[in-house]
Protein backbone atom coordinates (compact mmCIF):
# COMPACT_ATOMS: atom_id res chain seq x y z
CA UNK A 1 -53.83 -201.78 -15.10
CA UNK A 2 -50.56 -202.29 -16.85
CA UNK A 3 -49.06 -199.24 -15.08
CA UNK A 4 -49.04 -201.20 -11.82
CA UNK A 5 -46.73 -203.93 -13.24
CA UNK A 6 -43.14 -203.36 -12.12
CA UNK A 7 -40.58 -202.91 -14.86
CA UNK A 8 -37.68 -205.36 -15.41
CA UNK A 9 -35.38 -202.72 -13.91
CA UNK A 10 -37.52 -202.59 -10.73
CA UNK A 11 -37.52 -206.43 -10.57
CA UNK A 12 -33.68 -206.49 -10.54
CA UNK A 13 -33.56 -204.75 -7.16
CA UNK A 14 -36.25 -206.92 -5.45
CA UNK A 15 -33.78 -208.58 -3.00
CA UNK A 16 -32.21 -205.21 -2.20
CA UNK A 17 -35.69 -203.80 -1.53
CA UNK A 18 -36.49 -206.84 0.63
CA UNK A 19 -33.37 -206.21 2.73
CA UNK A 20 -34.45 -202.62 3.21
CA UNK A 21 -37.98 -203.61 4.05
CA UNK A 22 -36.86 -206.19 6.67
CA UNK A 23 -34.39 -203.67 8.14
CA UNK A 24 -37.05 -200.98 8.26
CA UNK A 25 -39.00 -203.22 10.62
CA UNK A 26 -36.13 -204.59 12.70
CA UNK A 27 -32.52 -203.99 11.96
CA UNK A 28 -31.53 -207.41 13.21
CA UNK A 29 -34.13 -209.25 11.02
CA UNK A 30 -31.90 -209.83 7.96
CA UNK A 31 -30.94 -213.43 7.37
CA UNK A 32 -27.15 -213.85 6.96
CA UNK A 33 -27.26 -214.70 3.23
CA UNK A 34 -29.47 -211.73 2.44
CA UNK A 35 -27.18 -209.49 4.50
CA UNK A 36 -24.16 -210.81 2.52
CA UNK A 37 -25.90 -210.17 -0.78
CA UNK A 38 -26.92 -206.69 0.38
CA UNK A 39 -23.27 -205.90 1.32
CA UNK A 40 -21.91 -207.21 -2.03
CA UNK A 41 -24.56 -205.38 -4.10
CA UNK A 42 -24.05 -202.09 -2.28
CA UNK A 43 -20.26 -202.32 -2.33
CA UNK A 44 -20.26 -203.01 -6.10
CA UNK A 45 -22.78 -200.23 -6.83
CA UNK A 46 -20.90 -197.67 -4.78
CA UNK A 47 -17.68 -198.64 -6.55
CA UNK A 48 -19.36 -198.16 -9.94
CA UNK A 49 -20.65 -194.71 -8.86
CA UNK A 50 -17.08 -193.69 -7.92
CA UNK A 51 -15.47 -195.26 -11.02
CA UNK A 52 -18.04 -195.93 -13.79
CA UNK A 53 -15.30 -196.72 -16.31
CA UNK A 54 -14.36 -199.80 -14.28
CA UNK A 55 -17.53 -201.73 -15.20
CA UNK A 56 -16.85 -205.38 -15.78
CA UNK A 57 -18.66 -208.69 -16.47
CA UNK A 58 -17.75 -209.79 -12.92
CA UNK A 59 -20.18 -207.26 -11.43
CA UNK A 60 -23.77 -208.15 -10.67
CA UNK A 61 -26.33 -206.73 -13.11
CA UNK A 62 -28.20 -205.64 -9.98
CA UNK A 63 -25.18 -203.61 -8.86
CA UNK A 64 -25.20 -201.86 -12.23
CA UNK A 65 -28.91 -201.08 -11.82
CA UNK A 66 -28.37 -199.83 -8.24
CA UNK A 67 -25.45 -197.69 -9.37
CA UNK A 68 -27.70 -196.18 -12.06
CA UNK A 69 -30.34 -195.46 -9.34
CA UNK A 70 -27.71 -193.90 -7.06
CA UNK A 71 -26.43 -191.64 -9.87
CA UNK A 72 -29.91 -190.48 -10.88
CA UNK A 73 -31.64 -190.30 -7.47
CA UNK A 74 -30.06 -187.83 -5.06
CA UNK A 75 -32.54 -188.75 -2.31
CA UNK A 76 -31.38 -192.44 -2.46
CA UNK A 77 -27.74 -191.36 -2.52
CA UNK A 78 -28.35 -189.21 0.58
CA UNK A 79 -30.18 -192.00 2.40
CA UNK A 80 -27.43 -194.50 1.79
CA UNK A 81 -24.43 -192.10 2.12
CA UNK A 82 -23.30 -193.47 5.51
CA UNK A 83 -24.26 -197.13 4.80
CA UNK A 84 -21.32 -199.48 4.01
CA UNK A 85 -23.02 -202.71 4.97
CA UNK A 86 -26.34 -204.06 6.21
CA UNK A 87 -25.10 -203.63 9.82
CA UNK A 88 -25.23 -199.84 9.14
CA UNK A 89 -28.94 -199.92 8.38
CA UNK A 90 -31.17 -198.53 11.08
CA UNK A 91 -34.95 -198.79 10.65
CA UNK A 92 -35.02 -195.11 9.88
CA UNK A 93 -32.35 -195.20 7.21
CA UNK A 94 -33.90 -198.32 5.62
CA UNK A 95 -37.35 -196.64 5.43
CA UNK A 96 -35.88 -193.55 3.90
CA UNK A 97 -33.97 -195.48 1.31
CA UNK A 98 -36.96 -197.68 0.58
CA UNK A 99 -39.30 -194.77 0.08
CA UNK A 100 -36.92 -193.35 -2.59
CA UNK A 101 -36.83 -196.64 -4.46
CA UNK A 102 -40.58 -197.10 -4.71
CA UNK A 103 -41.57 -197.22 -8.35
CA UNK A 104 -43.54 -194.25 -9.56
CA UNK A 105 -46.80 -195.61 -10.88
CA UNK A 106 -48.57 -193.99 -13.71
CA UNK A 107 -51.99 -192.45 -12.88
CA UNK A 108 -55.00 -194.48 -13.83
CA UNK A 109 -56.85 -193.03 -16.78
């Protein structure tokens, strides 16, 4: 049963996942504040991927987590390669990115 509990790292990206989920249903469904958060998080994460040595305390911990995901998950990187803001998210792109972020659950014994 514990295998189904999301890790702390997974919890850090919950709002990012929510933005992807809402966009996967309707690309105009994102509330403005969530769209702004998505844009900031993605911009910071993409910057960290390009220049990891420029990490600073001013960056969101979630951006660091997303940057880590982008560096280790080539499917996620490919899904978000053309996305610069929430306005670039089509339902298809959002579904693809969301599917790569789904936590892998351990099989039940």
